[in-house]
Structures are given as structure tokens and as C-alpha cells.
N, C-alpha and C. Protein backbone atom coordinates (compact mmCIF):
# COMPACT_ATOMS: atom_id res chain seq x y z
N UNK A 1 3.46 -15.30 -20.06
CA UNK A 1 4.62 -16.14 -20.04
C UNK A 1 4.24 -17.54 -19.54
N UNK A 2 3.36 -17.59 -18.56
CA UNK A 2 2.93 -18.87 -18.02
C UNK A 2 2.20 -19.70 -19.08
N UNK A 3 1.34 -19.04 -19.84
CA UNK A 3 0.60 -19.72 -20.91
C UNK A 3 1.58 -20.26 -21.95
N UNK A 4 2.56 -19.47 -22.32
CA UNK A 4 3.58 -19.89 -23.28
C UNK A 4 4.34 -21.11 -22.75
N UNK A 5 4.75 -21.05 -21.49
CA UNK A 5 5.51 -22.15 -20.90
C UNK A 5 4.70 -23.44 -20.89
N UNK A 6 3.44 -23.34 -20.53
CA UNK A 6 2.56 -24.51 -20.50
C UNK A 6 2.41 -25.11 -21.90
N UNK A 7 2.34 -24.26 -22.89
CA UNK A 7 2.22 -24.71 -24.28
C UNK A 7 3.40 -25.60 -24.68
N UNK A 8 4.57 -25.33 -24.10
CA UNK A 8 5.77 -26.11 -24.42
C UNK A 8 6.12 -27.10 -23.31
N UNK A 9 5.10 -27.45 -22.50
CA UNK A 9 5.25 -28.44 -21.44
C UNK A 9 6.36 -28.06 -20.44
N UNK A 10 6.44 -26.77 -20.17
CA UNK A 10 7.42 -26.27 -19.20
C UNK A 10 6.65 -25.66 -18.02
N UNK A 11 7.34 -25.45 -16.93
CA UNK A 11 6.74 -24.82 -15.76
C UNK A 11 7.31 -23.41 -15.63
N UNK A 12 6.44 -22.49 -15.31
CA UNK A 12 6.84 -21.09 -15.16
C UNK A 12 6.51 -20.61 -13.76
N UNK A 13 7.51 -20.07 -13.11
CA UNK A 13 7.33 -19.47 -11.79
C UNK A 13 7.65 -17.99 -11.94
N UNK A 14 6.76 -17.13 -11.48
CA UNK A 14 7.02 -15.70 -11.51
C UNK A 14 7.38 -15.26 -10.10
N UNK A 15 7.93 -14.07 -10.00
CA UNK A 15 8.34 -13.61 -8.67
C UNK A 15 8.16 -12.11 -8.54
N UNK A 16 8.22 -11.68 -7.33
CA UNK A 16 8.24 -10.27 -6.99
C UNK A 16 9.35 -10.10 -5.97
N UNK A 17 10.31 -9.26 -6.27
CA UNK A 17 11.47 -9.10 -5.39
C UNK A 17 11.26 -7.89 -4.50
N UNK A 18 11.05 -8.15 -3.24
CA UNK A 18 10.80 -7.10 -2.27
C UNK A 18 12.10 -6.82 -1.51
N UNK A 19 13.06 -6.29 -2.24
CA UNK A 19 14.38 -6.01 -1.68
C UNK A 19 15.13 -5.11 -2.64
N UNK A 20 16.08 -4.40 -2.12
CA UNK A 20 17.02 -3.65 -2.96
C UNK A 20 18.23 -4.56 -3.18
N UNK A 21 18.99 -4.35 -4.25
CA UNK A 21 20.08 -5.28 -4.60
C UNK A 21 21.00 -5.70 -3.45
N UNK A 22 21.46 -4.78 -2.58
CA UNK A 22 22.36 -5.23 -1.51
C UNK A 22 21.72 -6.23 -0.53
N UNK A 23 20.39 -6.30 -0.50
CA UNK A 23 19.71 -7.21 0.43
C UNK A 23 19.66 -8.64 -0.09
N UNK A 24 19.83 -8.83 -1.40
CA UNK A 24 19.70 -10.17 -1.99
C UNK A 24 20.69 -11.12 -1.35
N UNK A 25 20.18 -12.27 -0.99
CA UNK A 25 20.99 -13.28 -0.32
C UNK A 25 20.95 -13.17 1.20
N UNK A 26 20.35 -12.11 1.71
CA UNK A 26 20.25 -11.92 3.15
C UNK A 26 18.87 -12.26 3.67
N UNK A 27 18.74 -12.31 4.97
CA UNK A 27 17.48 -12.71 5.60
C UNK A 27 16.37 -11.68 5.42
N UNK A 28 16.71 -10.43 5.13
CA UNK A 28 15.68 -9.40 5.01
C UNK A 28 15.13 -9.27 3.59
N UNK A 29 15.73 -9.97 2.64
CA UNK A 29 15.19 -9.97 1.28
C UNK A 29 13.98 -10.89 1.25
N UNK A 30 12.87 -10.37 0.81
CA UNK A 30 11.65 -11.16 0.67
C UNK A 30 11.38 -11.33 -0.81
N UNK A 31 11.24 -12.56 -1.25
CA UNK A 31 10.95 -12.81 -2.65
C UNK A 31 9.67 -13.63 -2.73
N UNK A 32 8.71 -13.07 -3.45
CA UNK A 32 7.40 -13.67 -3.61
C UNK A 32 7.40 -14.54 -4.86
N UNK A 33 6.80 -15.71 -4.78
CA UNK A 33 6.75 -16.62 -5.92
C UNK A 33 5.32 -17.10 -6.15
N UNK A 34 5.00 -17.31 -7.42
CA UNK A 34 3.72 -17.92 -7.77
C UNK A 34 3.89 -18.70 -9.06
N UNK A 35 3.08 -19.73 -9.18
CA UNK A 35 3.15 -20.64 -10.32
C UNK A 35 2.95 -22.06 -9.81
N UNK A 36 3.25 -23.05 -10.62
CA UNK A 36 3.02 -24.43 -10.20
C UNK A 36 3.78 -24.78 -8.90
N UNK A 37 3.03 -25.27 -7.93
CA UNK A 37 3.62 -25.60 -6.62
C UNK A 37 4.74 -26.62 -6.78
N UNK A 38 4.54 -27.59 -7.63
CA UNK A 38 5.54 -28.64 -7.84
C UNK A 38 6.87 -28.03 -8.29
N UNK A 39 6.82 -27.09 -9.20
CA UNK A 39 8.04 -26.45 -9.69
C UNK A 39 8.69 -25.60 -8.59
N UNK A 40 7.87 -24.90 -7.82
CA UNK A 40 8.41 -24.11 -6.71
C UNK A 40 9.11 -25.02 -5.71
N UNK A 41 8.44 -26.09 -5.31
CA UNK A 41 9.02 -27.01 -4.33
C UNK A 41 10.31 -27.64 -4.84
N UNK A 42 10.36 -27.96 -6.12
CA UNK A 42 11.55 -28.60 -6.70
C UNK A 42 12.76 -27.68 -6.66
N UNK A 43 12.54 -26.38 -6.68
CA UNK A 43 13.66 -25.44 -6.73
C UNK A 43 13.75 -24.54 -5.50
N UNK A 44 13.00 -24.85 -4.48
CA UNK A 44 12.95 -23.97 -3.31
C UNK A 44 14.30 -23.81 -2.64
N UNK A 45 15.13 -24.81 -2.66
CA UNK A 45 16.47 -24.69 -2.05
C UNK A 45 17.28 -23.61 -2.73
N UNK A 46 17.27 -23.60 -4.05
CA UNK A 46 17.99 -22.55 -4.80
C UNK A 46 17.34 -21.19 -4.59
N UNK A 47 16.03 -21.16 -4.61
CA UNK A 47 15.32 -19.90 -4.46
C UNK A 47 15.54 -19.30 -3.07
N UNK A 48 15.60 -20.15 -2.05
CA UNK A 48 15.81 -19.68 -0.68
C UNK A 48 17.17 -19.02 -0.50
N UNK A 49 18.12 -19.34 -1.36
CA UNK A 49 19.44 -18.73 -1.27
C UNK A 49 19.39 -17.24 -1.61
N UNK A 50 18.35 -16.83 -2.32
CA UNK A 50 18.22 -15.42 -2.71
C UNK A 50 17.63 -14.55 -1.61
N UNK A 51 16.90 -15.16 -0.70
CA UNK A 51 16.24 -14.43 0.38
C UNK A 51 15.12 -15.27 0.93
N UNK A 52 14.30 -14.70 1.76
CA UNK A 52 13.17 -15.40 2.33
C UNK A 52 12.11 -15.59 1.25
N UNK A 53 11.78 -16.84 0.96
CA UNK A 53 10.82 -17.16 -0.08
C UNK A 53 9.41 -17.22 0.50
N UNK A 54 8.46 -16.72 -0.29
CA UNK A 54 7.05 -16.83 0.10
C UNK A 54 6.26 -17.25 -1.12
N UNK A 55 5.71 -18.44 -1.04
CA UNK A 55 4.90 -18.98 -2.13
C UNK A 55 3.47 -18.50 -1.97
N UNK A 56 2.88 -17.95 -3.06
CA UNK A 56 1.56 -17.33 -2.98
C UNK A 56 0.45 -18.14 -3.62
N UNK A 57 0.78 -19.04 -4.53
CA UNK A 57 -0.27 -19.84 -5.16
C UNK A 57 0.06 -20.23 -6.58
N UNK A 58 -0.83 -21.02 -7.15
CA UNK A 58 -0.64 -21.58 -8.49
C UNK A 58 -0.69 -20.55 -9.62
N UNK A 59 -1.47 -19.51 -9.47
CA UNK A 59 -1.61 -18.49 -10.51
C UNK A 59 -0.31 -17.69 -10.59
N UNK A 60 0.39 -17.80 -11.70
CA UNK A 60 1.68 -17.13 -11.85
C UNK A 60 1.57 -15.61 -11.71
N UNK A 61 0.40 -15.05 -11.92
CA UNK A 61 0.21 -13.61 -11.82
C UNK A 61 0.14 -13.08 -10.40
N UNK A 62 0.05 -13.97 -9.41
CA UNK A 62 -0.08 -13.50 -8.02
C UNK A 62 1.17 -12.78 -7.52
N UNK A 63 2.35 -13.29 -7.80
CA UNK A 63 3.58 -12.65 -7.32
C UNK A 63 3.71 -11.22 -7.86
N UNK A 64 3.54 -11.00 -9.17
CA UNK A 64 3.62 -9.62 -9.66
C UNK A 64 2.52 -8.72 -9.07
N UNK A 65 1.32 -9.28 -8.86
CA UNK A 65 0.24 -8.49 -8.27
C UNK A 65 0.58 -8.08 -6.83
N UNK A 66 1.06 -9.02 -6.04
CA UNK A 66 1.46 -8.70 -4.67
C UNK A 66 2.60 -7.69 -4.69
N UNK A 67 3.56 -7.87 -5.58
CA UNK A 67 4.71 -6.98 -5.69
C UNK A 67 4.26 -5.54 -5.92
N UNK A 68 3.45 -5.32 -6.95
CA UNK A 68 3.04 -3.96 -7.28
C UNK A 68 2.12 -3.39 -6.20
N UNK A 69 1.33 -4.24 -5.55
CA UNK A 69 0.45 -3.78 -4.48
C UNK A 69 1.26 -3.38 -3.25
N UNK A 70 2.29 -4.15 -2.92
CA UNK A 70 3.17 -3.77 -1.81
C UNK A 70 3.89 -2.46 -2.10
N UNK A 71 4.32 -2.30 -3.35
CA UNK A 71 4.97 -1.05 -3.73
C UNK A 71 4.00 0.12 -3.66
N UNK A 72 2.73 -0.10 -4.01
CA UNK A 72 1.73 0.97 -3.89
C UNK A 72 1.62 1.43 -2.45
N UNK A 73 1.57 0.48 -1.52
CA UNK A 73 1.51 0.84 -0.10
C UNK A 73 2.76 1.58 0.34
N UNK A 74 3.92 1.12 -0.14
CA UNK A 74 5.19 1.76 0.24
C UNK A 74 5.25 3.19 -0.28
N UNK A 75 4.92 3.37 -1.57
CA UNK A 75 5.01 4.72 -2.13
C UNK A 75 3.96 5.66 -1.54
N UNK A 76 2.80 5.14 -1.17
CA UNK A 76 1.81 5.96 -0.48
C UNK A 76 2.36 6.45 0.85
N UNK A 77 3.01 5.55 1.58
CA UNK A 77 3.64 5.91 2.84
C UNK A 77 4.74 6.94 2.60
N UNK A 78 5.58 6.67 1.60
CA UNK A 78 6.67 7.60 1.29
C UNK A 78 6.14 8.99 0.94
N UNK A 79 5.02 9.05 0.20
CA UNK A 79 4.45 10.34 -0.17
C UNK A 79 4.07 11.13 1.09
N UNK A 80 3.47 10.46 2.05
CA UNK A 80 3.11 11.13 3.29
C UNK A 80 4.33 11.59 4.07
N UNK A 81 5.36 10.77 4.08
CA UNK A 81 6.60 11.14 4.79
C UNK A 81 7.24 12.35 4.11
N UNK A 82 7.28 12.35 2.79
CA UNK A 82 7.86 13.48 2.06
C UNK A 82 7.10 14.77 2.37
N UNK A 83 5.76 14.70 2.38
CA UNK A 83 4.95 15.88 2.68
C UNK A 83 5.23 16.36 4.10
N UNK A 84 5.30 15.43 5.04
CA UNK A 84 5.55 15.80 6.43
C UNK A 84 6.92 16.47 6.59
N UNK A 85 7.93 15.93 5.93
CA UNK A 85 9.27 16.51 6.04
C UNK A 85 9.34 17.87 5.36
N UNK A 86 8.61 18.03 4.26
CA UNK A 86 8.58 19.34 3.61
C UNK A 86 7.94 20.38 4.52
N UNK A 87 6.84 19.99 5.17
CA UNK A 87 6.15 20.91 6.07
C UNK A 87 7.01 21.29 7.26
N UNK A 88 7.54 20.32 7.95
CA UNK A 88 8.35 20.63 9.14
C UNK A 88 9.64 21.35 8.75
N UNK A 89 10.16 21.04 7.56
CA UNK A 89 11.37 21.70 7.09
C UNK A 89 11.19 23.20 6.89
N UNK A 90 9.97 23.62 6.54
CA UNK A 90 9.74 25.06 6.36
C UNK A 90 9.87 25.82 7.68
N UNK A 91 9.73 25.11 8.78
CA UNK A 91 9.88 25.74 10.10
C UNK A 91 11.29 25.55 10.64
N UNK A 92 12.16 25.00 9.82
CA UNK A 92 13.55 24.80 10.25
C UNK A 92 13.75 23.60 11.15
N UNK A 93 12.76 22.73 11.24
CA UNK A 93 12.89 21.53 12.09
C UNK A 93 13.70 20.49 11.33
N UNK A 94 14.82 20.07 11.88
CA UNK A 94 15.64 19.07 11.20
C UNK A 94 14.87 17.75 11.03
N UNK A 95 15.00 17.15 9.86
CA UNK A 95 14.31 15.90 9.58
C UNK A 95 14.66 14.83 10.61
N UNK A 96 15.91 14.78 11.01
CA UNK A 96 16.34 13.79 12.00
C UNK A 96 15.69 13.98 13.35
N UNK A 97 15.33 15.21 13.68
CA UNK A 97 14.65 15.49 14.94
C UNK A 97 13.18 15.07 14.86
N UNK A 98 12.56 15.30 13.72
CA UNK A 98 11.13 15.00 13.55
C UNK A 98 10.86 13.52 13.29
N UNK A 99 11.80 12.85 12.65
CA UNK A 99 11.56 11.47 12.19
C UNK A 99 11.17 10.49 13.29
N UNK A 100 11.79 10.49 14.47
CA UNK A 100 11.36 9.53 15.49
C UNK A 100 9.89 9.69 15.88
N UNK A 101 9.42 10.93 15.95
CA UNK A 101 8.02 11.16 16.28
C UNK A 101 7.11 10.68 15.15
N UNK A 102 7.52 10.94 13.91
CA UNK A 102 6.74 10.50 12.76
C UNK A 102 6.68 8.97 12.70
N UNK A 103 7.80 8.31 12.93
CA UNK A 103 7.82 6.84 12.90
C UNK A 103 6.94 6.26 13.99
N UNK A 104 6.97 6.85 15.16
CA UNK A 104 6.14 6.37 16.27
C UNK A 104 4.66 6.52 15.92
N UNK A 105 4.29 7.65 15.34
CA UNK A 105 2.91 7.91 14.95
C UNK A 105 2.45 6.92 13.88
N UNK A 106 3.29 6.72 12.86
CA UNK A 106 2.92 5.79 11.79
C UNK A 106 2.78 4.36 12.31
N UNK A 107 3.64 3.97 13.23
CA UNK A 107 3.52 2.62 13.82
C UNK A 107 2.22 2.49 14.60
N UNK A 108 1.84 3.53 15.31
CA UNK A 108 0.59 3.49 16.06
C UNK A 108 -0.60 3.38 15.12
N UNK A 109 -0.55 4.07 14.00
CA UNK A 109 -1.66 4.05 13.04
C UNK A 109 -1.77 2.71 12.31
N UNK A 110 -0.69 1.98 12.21
CA UNK A 110 -0.72 0.67 11.57
C UNK A 110 -1.63 -0.31 12.30
N UNK A 111 -1.84 -0.08 13.57
CA UNK A 111 -2.68 -0.97 14.37
C UNK A 111 -4.11 -1.09 13.84
N UNK A 112 -4.59 -0.08 13.13
CA UNK A 112 -5.94 -0.11 12.59
C UNK A 112 -6.07 -0.80 11.24
N UNK A 113 -4.96 -1.12 10.61
CA UNK A 113 -5.02 -1.70 9.27
C UNK A 113 -5.67 -3.08 9.21
N UNK A 114 -5.47 -3.96 10.18
CA UNK A 114 -6.19 -5.24 10.12
C UNK A 114 -7.71 -5.06 10.13
N UNK A 115 -8.19 -4.05 10.85
CA UNK A 115 -9.64 -3.76 10.86
C UNK A 115 -10.08 -3.35 9.46
N UNK A 116 -9.27 -2.56 8.77
CA UNK A 116 -9.61 -2.17 7.40
C UNK A 116 -9.74 -3.40 6.51
N UNK A 117 -8.81 -4.34 6.67
CA UNK A 117 -8.87 -5.57 5.86
C UNK A 117 -10.18 -6.31 6.12
N UNK A 118 -10.58 -6.40 7.38
CA UNK A 118 -11.86 -7.05 7.72
C UNK A 118 -13.03 -6.30 7.08
N UNK A 119 -12.98 -4.98 7.12
CA UNK A 119 -14.06 -4.18 6.54
C UNK A 119 -14.13 -4.36 5.03
N UNK A 120 -12.99 -4.35 4.37
CA UNK A 120 -12.97 -4.53 2.92
C UNK A 120 -13.51 -5.91 2.56
N UNK A 121 -13.07 -6.94 3.28
CA UNK A 121 -13.52 -8.30 2.99
C UNK A 121 -15.02 -8.48 3.26
N UNK A 122 -15.52 -7.85 4.31
CA UNK A 122 -16.94 -8.03 4.66
C UNK A 122 -17.85 -7.06 3.92
N UNK A 123 -17.30 -5.94 3.47
CA UNK A 123 -18.12 -4.91 2.84
C UNK A 123 -18.81 -4.00 3.85
N UNK A 124 -18.60 -4.24 5.15
CA UNK A 124 -19.21 -3.44 6.21
C UNK A 124 -18.18 -2.41 6.69
N UNK A 125 -18.36 -1.17 6.29
CA UNK A 125 -17.41 -0.11 6.65
C UNK A 125 -17.98 0.84 7.70
N UNK A 126 -19.11 0.46 8.32
CA UNK A 126 -19.76 1.38 9.26
C UNK A 126 -19.80 0.88 10.70
N UNK A 127 -19.34 -0.33 10.96
CA UNK A 127 -19.34 -0.84 12.34
C UNK A 127 -18.10 -0.37 13.08
N UNK A 128 -18.28 0.09 14.29
CA UNK A 128 -17.18 0.49 15.17
C UNK A 128 -16.25 1.52 14.53
N UNK A 129 -16.82 2.51 13.86
CA UNK A 129 -16.02 3.56 13.23
C UNK A 129 -15.62 4.57 14.29
N UNK A 130 -14.34 4.86 14.37
CA UNK A 130 -13.83 5.82 15.34
C UNK A 130 -13.77 7.22 14.72
N UNK A 131 -13.23 7.32 13.54
CA UNK A 131 -13.11 8.60 12.83
C UNK A 131 -13.69 8.42 11.43
N UNK A 132 -14.94 8.83 11.27
CA UNK A 132 -15.61 8.56 10.00
C UNK A 132 -15.04 9.42 8.86
N UNK A 133 -15.37 9.01 7.66
CA UNK A 133 -14.87 9.66 6.46
C UNK A 133 -15.28 11.14 6.40
N UNK A 134 -16.50 11.45 6.78
CA UNK A 134 -16.95 12.84 6.77
C UNK A 134 -16.09 13.73 7.64
N UNK A 135 -15.80 13.28 8.86
CA UNK A 135 -14.95 14.04 9.76
C UNK A 135 -13.54 14.17 9.19
N UNK A 136 -13.01 13.07 8.66
CA UNK A 136 -11.65 13.11 8.14
C UNK A 136 -11.55 13.99 6.90
N UNK A 137 -12.57 13.96 6.04
CA UNK A 137 -12.56 14.81 4.85
C UNK A 137 -12.59 16.29 5.26
N UNK A 138 -13.39 16.61 6.28
CA UNK A 138 -13.43 17.98 6.77
C UNK A 138 -12.09 18.41 7.36
N UNK A 139 -11.43 17.52 8.08
CA UNK A 139 -10.14 17.85 8.70
C UNK A 139 -9.00 17.86 7.69
N UNK A 140 -9.12 17.08 6.64
CA UNK A 140 -8.03 16.95 5.66
C UNK A 140 -7.73 18.28 4.97
N UNK A 141 -8.72 19.14 4.86
CA UNK A 141 -8.50 20.44 4.24
C UNK A 141 -7.41 21.21 4.97
N UNK A 142 -7.24 20.94 6.27
CA UNK A 142 -6.19 21.61 7.04
C UNK A 142 -4.80 21.26 6.51
N UNK A 143 -4.63 20.00 6.08
CA UNK A 143 -3.34 19.57 5.52
C UNK A 143 -3.07 20.30 4.21
N UNK A 144 -4.09 20.41 3.38
CA UNK A 144 -3.95 21.11 2.10
C UNK A 144 -3.67 22.59 2.35
N UNK A 145 -4.46 23.21 3.24
CA UNK A 145 -4.28 24.63 3.52
C UNK A 145 -2.92 24.92 4.15
N UNK A 146 -2.48 24.08 5.07
CA UNK A 146 -1.17 24.28 5.70
C UNK A 146 -0.05 24.15 4.68
N UNK A 147 -0.19 23.21 3.77
CA UNK A 147 0.83 23.05 2.72
C UNK A 147 0.89 24.30 1.85
N UNK A 148 -0.26 24.77 1.43
CA UNK A 148 -0.30 25.97 0.59
C UNK A 148 0.27 27.19 1.34
N UNK A 149 -0.11 27.33 2.61
CA UNK A 149 0.35 28.46 3.41
C UNK A 149 1.87 28.43 3.57
N UNK A 150 2.45 27.24 3.61
CA UNK A 150 3.90 27.10 3.76
C UNK A 150 4.61 27.10 2.40
N UNK A 151 3.84 27.31 1.33
CA UNK A 151 4.36 27.29 -0.04
C UNK A 151 4.98 25.92 -0.37
N UNK A 152 4.28 24.87 0.09
CA UNK A 152 4.67 23.49 -0.19
C UNK A 152 3.70 22.94 -1.23
N UNK A 153 4.21 22.21 -2.19
CA UNK A 153 3.37 21.62 -3.23
C UNK A 153 2.30 20.73 -2.61
N UNK A 154 1.13 20.77 -3.21
CA UNK A 154 0.02 19.92 -2.77
C UNK A 154 -0.19 18.73 -3.71
N UNK A 155 0.74 18.50 -4.62
CA UNK A 155 0.55 17.45 -5.61
C UNK A 155 0.46 16.05 -5.01
N UNK A 156 1.01 15.85 -3.83
CA UNK A 156 0.92 14.54 -3.19
C UNK A 156 -0.36 14.39 -2.37
N UNK A 157 -0.94 15.48 -1.91
CA UNK A 157 -2.09 15.40 -1.01
C UNK A 157 -3.44 15.63 -1.68
N UNK A 158 -3.46 16.33 -2.79
CA UNK A 158 -4.74 16.62 -3.44
C UNK A 158 -5.49 15.38 -3.93
N UNK A 159 -4.81 14.36 -4.46
CA UNK A 159 -5.57 13.18 -4.89
C UNK A 159 -6.35 12.52 -3.75
N UNK A 160 -5.77 12.46 -2.57
CA UNK A 160 -6.48 11.87 -1.43
C UNK A 160 -7.67 12.74 -1.04
N UNK A 161 -7.50 14.05 -1.08
CA UNK A 161 -8.61 14.94 -0.76
C UNK A 161 -9.75 14.73 -1.76
N UNK A 162 -9.42 14.61 -3.01
CA UNK A 162 -10.43 14.39 -4.04
C UNK A 162 -11.18 13.08 -3.81
N UNK A 163 -10.45 12.04 -3.47
CA UNK A 163 -11.08 10.74 -3.21
C UNK A 163 -11.98 10.80 -1.98
N UNK A 164 -11.52 11.48 -0.94
CA UNK A 164 -12.34 11.61 0.27
C UNK A 164 -13.63 12.39 -0.03
N UNK A 165 -13.52 13.46 -0.78
CA UNK A 165 -14.71 14.24 -1.15
C UNK A 165 -15.68 13.39 -1.96
N UNK A 166 -15.14 12.60 -2.87
CA UNK A 166 -16.00 11.73 -3.69
C UNK A 166 -16.70 10.69 -2.81
N UNK A 167 -15.98 10.17 -1.80
CA UNK A 167 -16.58 9.22 -0.87
C UNK A 167 -17.74 9.83 -0.11
N UNK A 168 -17.56 11.05 0.39
CA UNK A 168 -18.62 11.74 1.10
C UNK A 168 -19.80 12.00 0.16
N UNK A 169 -19.50 12.43 -1.06
CA UNK A 169 -20.55 12.74 -2.03
C UNK A 169 -21.36 11.51 -2.42
N UNK A 170 -20.76 10.31 -2.30
CA UNK A 170 -21.47 9.08 -2.65
C UNK A 170 -22.14 8.44 -1.44
N UNK A 171 -22.25 9.20 -0.34
CA UNK A 171 -22.99 8.72 0.83
C UNK A 171 -22.19 7.92 1.83
N UNK A 172 -20.87 8.03 1.80
CA UNK A 172 -20.04 7.25 2.72
C UNK A 172 -19.50 8.07 3.90
N UNK A 173 -20.12 9.20 4.19
CA UNK A 173 -19.62 10.08 5.25
C UNK A 173 -19.53 9.39 6.60
N UNK A 174 -20.43 8.46 6.89
CA UNK A 174 -20.42 7.77 8.18
C UNK A 174 -19.57 6.50 8.17
N UNK A 175 -18.99 6.19 7.03
CA UNK A 175 -18.18 4.98 6.90
C UNK A 175 -16.73 5.26 7.28
N UNK A 176 -15.96 4.19 7.40
CA UNK A 176 -14.54 4.29 7.68
C UNK A 176 -13.79 4.60 6.38
N UNK A 177 -12.55 5.01 6.50
CA UNK A 177 -11.72 5.28 5.31
C UNK A 177 -11.61 4.06 4.41
N UNK A 178 -11.72 2.88 4.97
CA UNK A 178 -11.62 1.65 4.18
C UNK A 178 -12.65 1.60 3.06
N UNK A 179 -13.73 2.36 3.20
CA UNK A 179 -14.77 2.38 2.17
C UNK A 179 -14.27 2.97 0.86
N UNK A 180 -13.16 3.68 0.89
CA UNK A 180 -12.61 4.30 -0.31
C UNK A 180 -12.04 3.27 -1.28
N UNK A 181 -11.74 2.07 -0.80
CA UNK A 181 -11.22 1.02 -1.69
C UNK A 181 -12.20 0.78 -2.84
N UNK A 182 -13.47 0.73 -2.54
CA UNK A 182 -14.48 0.48 -3.57
C UNK A 182 -14.50 1.61 -4.60
N UNK A 183 -14.24 2.84 -4.18
CA UNK A 183 -14.20 3.95 -5.13
C UNK A 183 -13.00 3.84 -6.06
N UNK A 184 -11.90 3.32 -5.54
CA UNK A 184 -10.72 3.12 -6.39
C UNK A 184 -10.97 2.03 -7.42
N UNK A 185 -11.82 1.08 -7.09
CA UNK A 185 -12.15 -0.01 -8.01
C UNK A 185 -13.30 0.37 -8.94
N UNK A 186 -13.86 1.53 -8.77
CA UNK A 186 -15.02 1.98 -9.52
C UNK A 186 -14.80 1.93 -11.04
N UNK A 187 -13.65 2.41 -11.50
CA UNK A 187 -13.40 2.43 -12.94
C UNK A 187 -13.29 1.02 -13.50
N UNK A 188 -12.88 0.09 -12.70
CA UNK A 188 -12.78 -1.32 -13.11
C UNK A 188 -14.16 -1.87 -13.44
N UNK A 189 -15.17 -1.34 -12.76
CA UNK A 189 -16.54 -1.83 -12.95
C UNK A 189 -17.20 -1.24 -14.19
N UNK A 190 -16.46 -0.39 -14.90
CA UNK A 190 -16.97 0.17 -16.13
C UNK A 190 -17.86 1.39 -15.96
N UNK A 191 -17.85 2.00 -14.78
CA UNK A 191 -18.68 3.18 -14.54
C UNK A 191 -17.84 4.44 -14.48
């Protein structure tokens, strides 16, 4: 679309809407924009009326890329929450009773994510590793086994187990989980 717009001497701004419809126009709606900075600046007043605007850069494809990547993180989180609620539900534990503990745990685990970003950017996944991939892959089988024992579907957890096993098999047992990013990009490299 950006190429087409440029061909006709027009400016194209793309966006990613990180909000559900009732949030639009409120402070919690985040809308990502990318494309010509001049066009974004010229219309930022109107765009800000829709929610909190975040300009990402000149490449119009950045907003959709950020959008789908943020959704990937969200759905990955949701998959884990669904699995956790299914497991605790088999023991009759009300979701409302378990949720505060789950939220607290997930918030605590978020603290390590900036380190993952540093590792991915540097390519060094072996410095200051607390729980290496080998240990986590060995322990992850417990999640799969517990799900099966509770007659809970493993369709959400098996892909992660497969990726972890592949990471160990490719010599990343002593690396951090962040090393798995490269395995996800493996098919992009044509291998």
C-alpha cells in the first residue's frame, strides 16, 4: 500500500491497534503508527484522539510487524494461562482463587525479559544463566505428564517441548531460553 501511495505522490501511514473497540478514544488504547514522519506529525492531533499514539519509524511495515508480534506474545501468555486454569480446574480449584497467585508469578517472571532482549541482541545466551535450557527441557516433561495424567489436552504445551528438545539437540543445553529465538528463525534462513 505504501508503494502504491508513493507512486501517486501520496503519503501512507499504517497502524496497529492494540486495543479492543470499547478502549478506542481512551488513554489505555495504544495505536502504533509507521510511515512518513511528516505525514504522522501533520495528523498526530487527530490520531491522538483515538488513543495513545506511538510512532515507530518511516517503514510503513513496522506498525503491522509490531502489532502481530505483540499479539504473538499475548496469545503465548494466554495459552499458558488457559493450560494453568485447565490443570487447577481438574482439582476443583476455582479460577478466581488461583488467578491472583498466577498473576503474581507471571509478573515476577517478566523481570527476566529485558535480559532475554539483551541476549538476543548480543547473540550471547550463555552468560549469567540461572536456569539453562537443558534443565528446563528436563523439567518441562512434568508439565506434559501432569496434563496427560489430568486428562488435559497437551496441544498448547507440546510445541514448546518440541522446541526445547530441538534446542538441546543443537547444543544449546547450557544456554538460556532466549537461545530458542534463533531456532524459530531457522526456517527463514532456508534450512
